[in-house]
């Protein structure tokens, strides 16, 4: 079934929608807060607000957290939101690399891949002749749930990183656009299919792998992503940098995300107290 009544969402099918977020009542509380940037879907958000007034865009959350001063976080837990031990060896390695020459690879916390897919991705990356940083969890293949490492943001924002191979989870998409980094998507479950459609067709900041992972395709798309395939890679990078500017603007003192955050919680609590 094609969904043809949502603005700027052409080509979206009902089967593309994650079933766990479909609502049957207009007052379902899950519809109220969106971790995103209002400008990412102005027409959609305006249309939804005409039906559900209490809809707010409060992201990118990480950019909001970065604006909290050191004094405010000194006695709080906001600087320890990751369950992983921080390891910065890869960041130190990135310092030695040229700008926009490293590919960052992470398929999220719930993606399960086969040994064959792991091999095809690996050889495709090697054959692309680009340096890459790949977050490979010890349970990536056996399918146990993990969480993303905290250094995701720092790696994506590093000047040497020029592309992101991702599953297309919303958190990773927001981080990538906030850093101005174009993507190649390999969507699997939940919202990843819809996110990938928006990334590739609506926002034009990424490309998509086929259903079957082949090293030749990995090599080709990585080269194109990193600017070696002509104007398409450059166009994606330019548009991604435009999103980076919009994300930064949205979290400014008097901009959309900050204002929406103020409407939902005018006095934010930090470390169990009100500043």
C-alpha atoms as a PDB file:
ATOM      1  CA  UNK A   1       0.000   0.000   0.000  1.00  0.00           C
ATOM      2  CA  UNK A   2       1.437   3.346  -1.075  1.00  0.00           C
ATOM      3  CA  UNK A   3       1.184   6.260   1.352  1.00  0.00           C
ATOM      4  CA  UNK A   4       0.497   9.287  -0.851  1.00  0.00           C
ATOM      5  CA  UNK A   5      -0.900  11.827   1.600  1.00  0.00           C
ATOM      6  CA  UNK A   6       2.198  12.816   3.592  1.00  0.00           C
ATOM      7  CA  UNK A   7       3.963  15.910   2.173  1.00  0.00           C
ATOM      8  CA  UNK A   8       7.508  15.339   0.881  1.00  0.00           C
ATOM      9  CA  UNK A   9       7.256  11.591   1.529  1.00  0.00           C
ATOM     10  CA  UNK A  10       6.650  10.358  -2.018  1.00  0.00           C
ATOM     11  CA  UNK A  11       7.326   6.704  -2.630  1.00  0.00           C
ATOM     12  CA  UNK A  12       6.859   5.656   0.997  1.00  0.00           C
ATOM     13  CA  UNK A  13       4.947   2.397   1.390  1.00  0.00           C
ATOM     14  CA  UNK A  14       3.059   1.228   4.442  1.00  0.00           C
ATOM     15  CA  UNK A  15       5.451  -1.706   4.709  1.00  0.00           C
ATOM     16  CA  UNK A  16       8.351   0.761   5.044  1.00  0.00           C
ATOM     17  CA  UNK A  17       6.935   2.048   8.324  1.00  0.00           C
ATOM     18  CA  UNK A  18       8.236   0.441  11.542  1.00  0.00           C
ATOM     19  CA  UNK A  19       5.266  -1.304  13.110  1.00  0.00           C
ATOM     20  CA  UNK A  20       6.331  -0.578  16.677  1.00  0.00           C
ATOM     21  CA  UNK A  21       5.692   3.163  16.234  1.00  0.00           C
ATOM     22  CA  UNK A  22       2.391   3.001  14.362  1.00  0.00           C
ATOM     23  CA  UNK A  23      -0.363   4.587  16.452  1.00  0.00           C
ATOM     24  CA  UNK A  24      -4.110   4.051  16.389  1.00  0.00           C
ATOM     25  CA  UNK A  25      -5.032   7.011  18.609  1.00  0.00           C
ATOM     26  CA  UNK A  26      -4.321  10.661  17.915  1.00  0.00           C
ATOM     27  CA  UNK A  27      -3.333  11.305  21.539  1.00  0.00           C
ATOM     28  CA  UNK A  28      -0.672   8.586  21.673  1.00  0.00           C
ATOM     29  CA  UNK A  29       2.163  10.248  23.676  1.00  0.00           C
ATOM     30  CA  UNK A  30       4.840   8.756  21.444  1.00  0.00           C
ATOM     31  CA  UNK A  31       3.936  11.318  18.812  1.00  0.00           C
ATOM     32  CA  UNK A  32       4.843  14.380  20.836  1.00  0.00           C
ATOM     33  CA  UNK A  33       8.649  14.599  20.822  1.00  0.00           C
ATOM     34  CA  UNK A  34      10.976  14.185  17.848  1.00  0.00           C
ATOM     35  CA  UNK A  35      14.738  13.957  18.157  1.00  0.00           C
ATOM     36  CA  UNK A  36      15.410  15.899  15.006  1.00  0.00           C
ATOM     37  CA  UNK A  37      15.696  19.294  13.382  1.00  0.00           C
ATOM     38  CA  UNK A  38      12.492  21.097  12.424  1.00  0.00           C
ATOM     39  CA  UNK A  39      13.980  22.247   9.116  1.00  0.00           C
ATOM     40  CA  UNK A  40      14.628  18.636   8.081  1.00  0.00           C
ATOM     41  CA  UNK A  41      10.926  18.188   7.359  1.00  0.00           C
ATOM     42  CA  UNK A  42       9.258  21.584   7.527  1.00  0.00           C
ATOM     43  CA  UNK A  43       6.204  20.663   5.445  1.00  0.00           C
ATOM     44  CA  UNK A  44       5.713  17.386   7.289  1.00  0.00           C
ATOM     45  CA  UNK A  45       6.054  18.932  10.744  1.00  0.00           C
ATOM     46  CA  UNK A  46       3.721  21.825   9.859  1.00  0.00           C
ATOM     47  CA  UNK A  47       1.132  19.391   8.554  1.00  0.00           C
ATOM     48  CA  UNK A  48       1.386  17.211  11.663  1.00  0.00           C
ATOM     49  CA  UNK A  49       1.108  20.230  13.956  1.00  0.00           C
ATOM     50  CA  UNK A  50      -2.187  21.138  12.304  1.00  0.00           C
ATOM     51  CA  UNK A  51      -3.524  17.795  13.557  1.00  0.00           C
ATOM     52  CA  UNK A  52      -1.436  17.247  16.713  1.00  0.00           C
ATOM     53  CA  UNK A  53      -0.514  20.656  18.206  1.00  0.00           C
ATOM     54  CA  UNK A  54       1.894  19.276  20.806  1.00  0.00           C
ATOM     55  CA  UNK A  55       4.689  18.185  18.500  1.00  0.00           C
ATOM     56  CA  UNK A  56       8.195  19.440  19.182  1.00  0.00           C
ATOM     57  CA  UNK A  57      11.592  19.012  17.517  1.00  0.00           C
ATOM     58  CA  UNK A  58      14.243  19.028  20.229  1.00  0.00           C
ATOM     59  CA  UNK A  59      17.368  17.841  18.452  1.00  0.00           C
ATOM     60  CA  UNK A  60      20.083  17.287  17.666  1.00  0.00           C
ATOM     61  CA  UNK A  61      20.323  16.353  21.359  1.00  0.00           C
ATOM     62  CA  UNK A  62      24.114  16.040  21.284  1.00  0.00           C
ATOM     63  CA  UNK A  63      24.507  19.620  20.052  1.00  0.00           C
ATOM     64  CA  UNK A  64      22.236  20.704  22.896  1.00  0.00           C
ATOM     65  CA  UNK A  65      24.379  18.803  25.407  1.00  0.00           C
ATOM     66  CA  UNK A  66      27.543  20.350  23.993  1.00  0.00           C
ATOM     67  CA  UNK A  67      26.193  23.783  24.910  1.00  0.00           C
ATOM     68  CA  UNK A  68      25.896  22.913  28.594  1.00  0.00           C
ATOM     69  CA  UNK A  69      28.828  24.486  30.390  1.00  0.00           C
ATOM     70  CA  UNK A  70      31.441  22.514  32.273  1.00  0.00           C
ATOM     71  CA  UNK A  71      30.202  23.982  35.533  1.00  0.00           C
ATOM     72  CA  UNK A  72      26.687  22.683  34.913  1.00  0.00           C
ATOM     73  CA  UNK A  73      27.905  19.157  34.186  1.00  0.00           C
ATOM     74  CA  UNK A  74      30.518  18.971  36.942  1.00  0.00           C
ATOM     75  CA  UNK A  75      28.196  17.255  39.401  1.00  0.00           C
ATOM     76  CA  UNK A  76      25.907  15.603  36.884  1.00  0.00           C
ATOM     77  CA  UNK A  77      25.891  12.405  34.872  1.00  0.00           C
ATOM     78  CA  UNK A  78      25.467  14.135  31.495  1.00  0.00           C
ATOM     79  CA  UNK A  79      29.106  13.483  30.616  1.00  0.00           C
ATOM     80  CA  UNK A  80      28.751   9.743  31.207  1.00  0.00           C
ATOM     81  CA  UNK A  81      25.791   8.888  28.974  1.00  0.00           C
ATOM     82  CA  UNK A  82      27.675   6.042  27.275  1.00  0.00           C
ATOM     83  CA  UNK A  83      27.869   2.548  28.737  1.00  0.00           C
ATOM     84  CA  UNK A  84      31.152   1.966  26.927  1.00  0.00           C
ATOM     85  CA  UNK A  85      34.615   2.712  28.243  1.00  0.00           C
ATOM     86  CA  UNK A  86      35.988   5.580  26.198  1.00  0.00           C
ATOM     87  CA  UNK A  87      38.894   4.672  23.928  1.00  0.00           C
ATOM     88  CA  UNK A  88      40.536   7.442  21.933  1.00  0.00           C
ATOM     89  CA  UNK A  89      43.272   5.532  20.093  1.00  0.00           C
ATOM     90  CA  UNK A  90      41.315   5.762  16.828  1.00  0.00           C
ATOM     91  CA  UNK A  91      40.892   9.526  17.262  1.00  0.00           C
ATOM     92  CA  UNK A  92      44.647   9.905  17.702  1.00  0.00           C
ATOM     93  CA  UNK A  93      45.126   7.833  14.540  1.00  0.00           C
ATOM     94  CA  UNK A  94      42.689  10.100  12.672  1.00  0.00           C
ATOM     95  CA  UNK A  95      44.828  13.141  13.504  1.00  0.00           C
ATOM     96  CA  UNK A  96      47.501  11.746  11.187  1.00  0.00           C
ATOM     97  CA  UNK A  97      45.226  11.428   8.161  1.00  0.00           C
ATOM     98  CA  UNK A  98      44.299  13.823   5.360  1.00  0.00           C
ATOM     99  CA  UNK A  99      40.992  15.735   5.456  1.00  0.00           C
ATOM    100  CA  UNK A 100      37.955  13.857   4.090  1.00  0.00           C
ATOM    101  CA  UNK A 101      39.959  10.707   3.332  1.00  0.00           C
ATOM    102  CA  UNK A 102      38.720   8.293   6.030  1.00  0.00           C
ATOM    103  CA  UNK A 103      35.498   6.266   5.901  1.00  0.00           C
ATOM    104  CA  UNK A 104      33.690   5.642   9.185  1.00  0.00           C
ATOM    105  CA  UNK A 105      31.752   2.358   9.379  1.00  0.00           C
ATOM    106  CA  UNK A 106      29.183   1.458  12.018  1.00  0.00           C
ATOM    107  CA  UNK A 107      26.009  -0.548  11.597  1.00  0.00           C
ATOM    108  CA  UNK A 108      24.431   0.308  14.937  1.00  0.00           C
ATOM    109  CA  UNK A 109      23.637  -1.613  18.064  1.00  0.00           C
ATOM    110  CA  UNK A 110      21.169  -4.217  16.788  1.00  0.00           C
ATOM    111  CA  UNK A 111      22.292  -5.029  13.252  1.00  0.00           C
ATOM    112  CA  UNK A 112      23.227  -8.653  12.632  1.00  0.00           C
ATOM    113  CA  UNK A 113      25.370  -9.569   9.630  1.00  0.00           C
ATOM    114  CA  UNK A 114      26.623 -12.865   8.287  1.00  0.00           C
ATOM    115  CA  UNK A 115      30.257 -13.894   8.013  1.00  0.00           C
ATOM    116  CA  UNK A 116      29.959 -13.553   4.228  1.00  0.00           C
ATOM    117  CA  UNK A 117      28.582 -10.011   4.491  1.00  0.00           C
ATOM    118  CA  UNK A 118      31.362  -9.111   6.915  1.00  0.00           C
ATOM    119  CA  UNK A 119      33.919 -10.353   4.392  1.00  0.00           C
ATOM    120  CA  UNK A 120      32.316  -8.543   1.432  1.00  0.00           C
ATOM    121  CA  UNK A 121      32.182  -5.237   3.294  1.00  0.00           C
ATOM    122  CA  UNK A 122      35.770  -5.665   4.442  1.00  0.00           C
ATOM    123  CA  UNK A 123      37.237  -6.453   1.033  1.00  0.00           C
ATOM    124  CA  UNK A 124      35.194  -3.722  -0.626  1.00  0.00           C
ATOM    125  CA  UNK A 125      36.544  -1.173   1.826  1.00  0.00           C
ATOM    126  CA  UNK A 126      40.112  -2.378   1.294  1.00  0.00           C
ATOM    127  CA  UNK A 127      39.750  -2.261  -2.493  1.00  0.00           C
ATOM    128  CA  UNK A 128      38.447   1.330  -2.313  1.00  0.00           C
ATOM    129  CA  UNK A 129      41.958   2.448  -1.275  1.00  0.00           C
ATOM    130  CA  UNK A 130      40.575   4.659   1.474  1.00  0.00           C
ATOM    131  CA  UNK A 131      41.471   4.461   5.118  1.00  0.00           C
ATOM    132  CA  UNK A 132      38.555   3.350   7.255  1.00  0.00           C
ATOM    133  CA  UNK A 133      37.544   3.050  10.901  1.00  0.00           C
ATOM    134  CA  UNK A 134      35.076   0.214  11.458  1.00  0.00           C
ATOM    135  CA  UNK A 135      33.331  -0.286  14.787  1.00  0.00           C
ATOM    136  CA  UNK A 136      33.048  -4.077  14.925  1.00  0.00           C
ATOM    137  CA  UNK A 137      31.379  -5.233  18.105  1.00  0.00           C
ATOM    138  CA  UNK A 138      32.352  -8.642  19.425  1.00  0.00           C
ATOM    139  CA  UNK A 139      28.713  -9.664  18.998  1.00  0.00           C
ATOM    140  CA  UNK A 140      28.123  -8.131  15.551  1.00  0.00           C
ATOM    141  CA  UNK A 141      27.719 -11.539  13.947  1.00  0.00           C
ATOM    142  CA  UNK A 142      26.007 -13.515  16.718  1.00  0.00           C
ATOM    143  CA  UNK A 143      23.290 -10.903  17.147  1.00  0.00           C
ATOM    144  CA  UNK A 144      23.401  -9.839  20.782  1.00  0.00           C
ATOM    145  CA  UNK A 145      22.237  -6.283  21.482  1.00  0.00           C
ATOM    146  CA  UNK A 146      24.901  -3.667  22.224  1.00  0.00           C
ATOM    147  CA  UNK A 147      25.103   0.113  22.436  1.00  0.00           C
ATOM    148  CA  UNK A 148      26.994   2.583  20.287  1.00  0.00           C
ATOM    149  CA  UNK A 149      30.304   3.875  21.647  1.00  0.00           C
ATOM    150  CA  UNK A 150      30.354   7.457  22.868  1.00  0.00           C
ATOM    151  CA  UNK A 151      33.174   8.440  20.511  1.00  0.00           C
ATOM    152  CA  UNK A 152      30.762   8.198  17.531  1.00  0.00           C
ATOM    153  CA  UNK A 153      30.271  11.963  17.630  1.00  0.00           C
ATOM    154  CA  UNK A 154      33.963  12.787  17.915  1.00  0.00           C
ATOM    155  CA  UNK A 155      34.939  10.463  15.079  1.00  0.00           C
ATOM    156  CA  UNK A 156      32.213  11.748  12.733  1.00  0.00           C
ATOM    157  CA  UNK A 157      33.216  15.337  13.441  1.00  0.00           C
ATOM    158  CA  UNK A 158      36.903  14.689  12.812  1.00  0.00           C
ATOM    159  CA  UNK A 159      38.243  16.569   9.790  1.00  0.00           C
ATOM    160  CA  UNK A 160      39.708  13.395   8.273  1.00  0.00           C
ATOM    161  CA  UNK A 161      36.334  11.601   8.064  1.00  0.00           C
ATOM    162  CA  UNK A 162      34.664  12.129   4.701  1.00  0.00           C
ATOM    163  CA  UNK A 163      31.995   9.433   4.601  1.00  0.00           C
ATOM    164  CA  UNK A 164      29.852   7.197   6.794  1.00  0.00           C
ATOM    165  CA  UNK A 165      28.699   3.631   6.080  1.00  0.00           C
ATOM    166  CA  UNK A 166      25.648   3.223   8.272  1.00  0.00           C
ATOM    167  CA  UNK A 167      22.548   1.127   8.909  1.00  0.00           C
ATOM    168  CA  UNK A 168      20.531   4.353   8.756  1.00  0.00           C
ATOM    169  CA  UNK A 169      19.297   4.403  12.342  1.00  0.00           C
ATOM    170  CA  UNK A 170      17.910   7.814  13.255  1.00  0.00           C
ATOM    171  CA  UNK A 171      20.529   8.553  15.908  1.00  0.00           C
ATOM    172  CA  UNK A 172      23.352   7.863  13.457  1.00  0.00           C
ATOM    173  CA  UNK A 173      21.635   9.907  10.730  1.00  0.00           C
ATOM    174  CA  UNK A 174      21.317  12.916  13.040  1.00  0.00           C
ATOM    175  CA  UNK A 175      24.960  12.599  14.127  1.00  0.00           C
ATOM    176  CA  UNK A 176      26.139  12.343  10.518  1.00  0.00           C
ATOM    177  CA  UNK A 177      24.149  15.337   9.273  1.00  0.00           C
ATOM    178  CA  UNK A 178      25.199  17.370  12.312  1.00  0.00           C
ATOM    179  CA  UNK A 179      28.795  16.661  11.306  1.00  0.00           C
ATOM    180  CA  UNK A 180      28.185  17.370   7.606  1.00  0.00           C
ATOM    181  CA  UNK A 181      29.180  13.843   6.541  1.00  0.00           C
ATOM    182  CA  UNK A 182      27.440  12.089   3.584  1.00  0.00           C
ATOM    183  CA  UNK A 183      26.375   8.451   3.931  1.00  0.00           C
ATOM    184  CA  UNK A 184      25.989   5.077   2.273  1.00  0.00           C
ATOM    185  CA  UNK A 185      23.098   3.213   3.888  1.00  0.00           C
ATOM    186  CA  UNK A 186      22.459  -0.458   4.483  1.00  0.00           C
ATOM    187  CA  UNK A 187      19.035  -0.371   6.167  1.00  0.00           C
ATOM    188  CA  UNK A 188      17.588  -3.307   8.035  1.00  0.00           C
ATOM    189  CA  UNK A 189      14.770  -2.930  10.553  1.00  0.00           C
ATOM    190  CA  UNK A 190      12.676  -0.365  12.421  1.00  0.00           C
ATOM    191  CA  UNK A 191      12.816   3.130  10.891  1.00  0.00           C
ATOM    192  CA  UNK A 192      15.946   2.504   8.827  1.00  0.00           C
ATOM    193  CA  UNK A 193      14.183   1.950   5.492  1.00  0.00           C
ATOM    194  CA  UNK A 194      12.232   5.229   5.706  1.00  0.00           C
ATOM    195  CA  UNK A 195      15.350   7.083   6.864  1.00  0.00           C
ATOM    196  CA  UNK A 196      17.300   5.709   3.912  1.00  0.00           C
ATOM    197  CA  UNK A 197      14.650   6.865   1.440  1.00  0.00           C
ATOM    198  CA  UNK A 198      14.840  10.376   2.878  1.00  0.00           C
ATOM    199  CA  UNK A 199      18.651  10.356   2.891  1.00  0.00           C
ATOM    200  CA  UNK A 200      18.961   9.225  -0.721  1.00  0.00           C
ATOM    201  CA  UNK A 201      15.930  10.696  -2.489  1.00  0.00           C
ATOM    202  CA  UNK A 202      14.691  13.683  -0.502  1.00  0.00           C
ATOM    203  CA  UNK A 203      17.823  15.158   1.085  1.00  0.00           C
ATOM    204  CA  UNK A 204      20.323  13.778  -1.483  1.00  0.00           C
ATOM    205  CA  UNK A 205      23.060  13.253   1.079  1.00  0.00           C
ATOM    206  CA  UNK A 206      23.598   9.536   0.557  1.00  0.00           C
ATOM    207  CA  UNK A 207      23.329   6.328  -1.435  1.00  0.00           C
ATOM    208  CA  UNK A 208      22.057   2.821  -0.689  1.00  0.00           C
ATOM    209  CA  UNK A 209      23.582  -0.635  -0.947  1.00  0.00           C
ATOM    210  CA  UNK A 210      21.661  -3.378  -2.712  1.00  0.00           C
ATOM    211  CA  UNK A 211      19.989  -6.158  -0.767  1.00  0.00           C
ATOM    212  CA  UNK A 212      22.914  -8.522  -1.361  1.00  0.00           C
ATOM    213  CA  UNK A 213      26.283  -7.145  -0.261  1.00  0.00           C
ATOM    214  CA  UNK A 214      28.961  -7.465  -2.945  1.00  0.00           C
ATOM    215  CA  UNK A 215      32.531  -6.228  -2.564  1.00  0.00           C
ATOM    216  CA  UNK A 216      32.520  -4.632  -6.031  1.00  0.00           C
ATOM    217  CA  UNK A 217      29.479  -2.533  -5.124  1.00  0.00           C
ATOM    218  CA  UNK A 218      31.004  -1.609  -1.760  1.00  0.00           C
ATOM    219  CA  UNK A 219      34.168  -0.444  -3.503  1.00  0.00           C
ATOM    220  CA  UNK A 220      32.220   1.521  -6.125  1.00  0.00           C
ATOM    221  CA  UNK A 221      29.918   3.298  -3.665  1.00  0.00           C
ATOM    222  CA  UNK A 222      32.727   4.122  -1.238  1.00  0.00           C
ATOM    223  CA  UNK A 223      34.777   5.668  -4.039  1.00  0.00           C
ATOM    224  CA  UNK A 224      31.745   7.649  -5.187  1.00  0.00           C
ATOM    225  CA  UNK A 225      30.941   8.702  -1.625  1.00  0.00           C
ATOM    226  CA  UNK A 226      34.466   9.989  -1.102  1.00  0.00           C
ATOM    227  CA  UNK A 227      34.417  12.102  -4.250  1.00  0.00           C
ATOM    228  CA  UNK A 228      36.170   9.743  -6.644  1.00  0.00           C
ATOM    229  CA  UNK A 229      33.136   9.099  -8.805  1.00  0.00           C
ATOM    230  CA  UNK A 230      32.513  12.538 -10.253  1.00  0.00           C
ATOM    231  CA  UNK A 231      30.064  15.247  -9.281  1.00  0.00           C
ATOM    232  CA  UNK A 232      27.658  13.070  -7.277  1.00  0.00           C
ATOM    233  CA  UNK A 233      29.969  12.684  -4.297  1.00  0.00           C
ATOM    234  CA  UNK A 234      30.747  16.400  -4.274  1.00  0.00           C
ATOM    235  CA  UNK A 235      27.032  17.223  -4.446  1.00  0.00           C
ATOM    236  CA  UNK A 236      26.247  14.951  -1.500  1.00  0.00           C
ATOM    237  CA  UNK A 237      29.041  16.476   0.557  1.00  0.00           C
ATOM    238  CA  UNK A 238      27.851  19.996  -0.223  1.00  0.00           C
ATOM    239  CA  UNK A 239      24.287  19.172   0.824  1.00  0.00           C
ATOM    240  CA  UNK A 240      25.500  17.416   3.984  1.00  0.00           C
ATOM    241  CA  UNK A 241      27.430  20.542   4.963  1.00  0.00           C
ATOM    242  CA  UNK A 242      24.253  22.575   4.462  1.00  0.00           C
ATOM    243  CA  UNK A 243      22.495  20.265   6.946  1.00  0.00           C
ATOM    244  CA  UNK A 244      25.377  20.755   9.366  1.00  0.00           C
ATOM    245  CA  UNK A 245      24.785  24.505   9.271  1.00  0.00           C
ATOM    246  CA  UNK A 246      21.030  24.074   9.754  1.00  0.00           C
ATOM    247  CA  UNK A 247      21.543  21.718  12.709  1.00  0.00           C
ATOM    248  CA  UNK A 248      23.875  24.206  14.370  1.00  0.00           C
ATOM    249  CA  UNK A 249      21.428  27.042  13.756  1.00  0.00           C
ATOM    250  CA  UNK A 250      18.486  25.029  15.117  1.00  0.00           C
ATOM    251  CA  UNK A 251      20.199  24.597  18.478  1.00  0.00           C
ATOM    252  CA  UNK A 252      21.031  28.282  18.863  1.00  0.00           C
ATOM    253  CA  UNK A 253      19.485  30.237  21.778  1.00  0.00           C
ATOM    254  CA  UNK A 254      16.465  31.527  19.853  1.00  0.00           C
ATOM    255  CA  UNK A 255      16.101  28.847  17.195  1.00  0.00           C
ATOM    256  CA  UNK A 256      13.562  26.066  16.618  1.00  0.00           C
ATOM    257  CA  UNK A 257      14.993  23.179  18.654  1.00  0.00           C
ATOM    258  CA  UNK A 258      15.941  25.348  21.613  1.00  0.00           C
ATOM    259  CA  UNK A 259      12.540  27.035  21.630  1.00  0.00           C
ATOM    260  CA  UNK A 260      10.729  23.699  21.395  1.00  0.00           C
ATOM    261  CA  UNK A 261      12.848  22.318  24.211  1.00  0.00           C
ATOM    262  CA  UNK A 262      11.916  25.343  26.295  1.00  0.00           C
ATOM    263  CA  UNK A 263       8.221  24.771  25.624  1.00  0.00           C
ATOM    264  CA  UNK A 264       8.416  21.173  26.809  1.00  0.00           C
ATOM    265  CA  UNK A 265      10.663  21.838  29.810  1.00  0.00           C
ATOM    266  CA  UNK A 266      11.269  25.542  30.482  1.00  0.00           C
ATOM    267  CA  UNK A 267      13.594  24.909  33.436  1.00  0.00           C
ATOM    268  CA  UNK A 268      15.891  22.024  32.450  1.00  0.00           C
ATOM    269  CA  UNK A 269      17.173  20.003  35.372  1.00  0.00           C
ATOM    270  CA  UNK A 270      20.885  19.292  35.435  1.00  0.00           C
ATOM    271  CA  UNK A 271      22.281  16.730  37.830  1.00  0.00           C
ATOM    272  CA  UNK A 272      19.075  16.579  39.852  1.00  0.00           C
ATOM    273  CA  UNK A 273      18.834  20.325  40.395  1.00  0.00           C
ATOM    274  CA  UNK A 274      17.395  23.297  38.555  1.00  0.00           C
ATOM    275  CA  UNK A 275      20.097  25.723  37.384  1.00  0.00           C
END
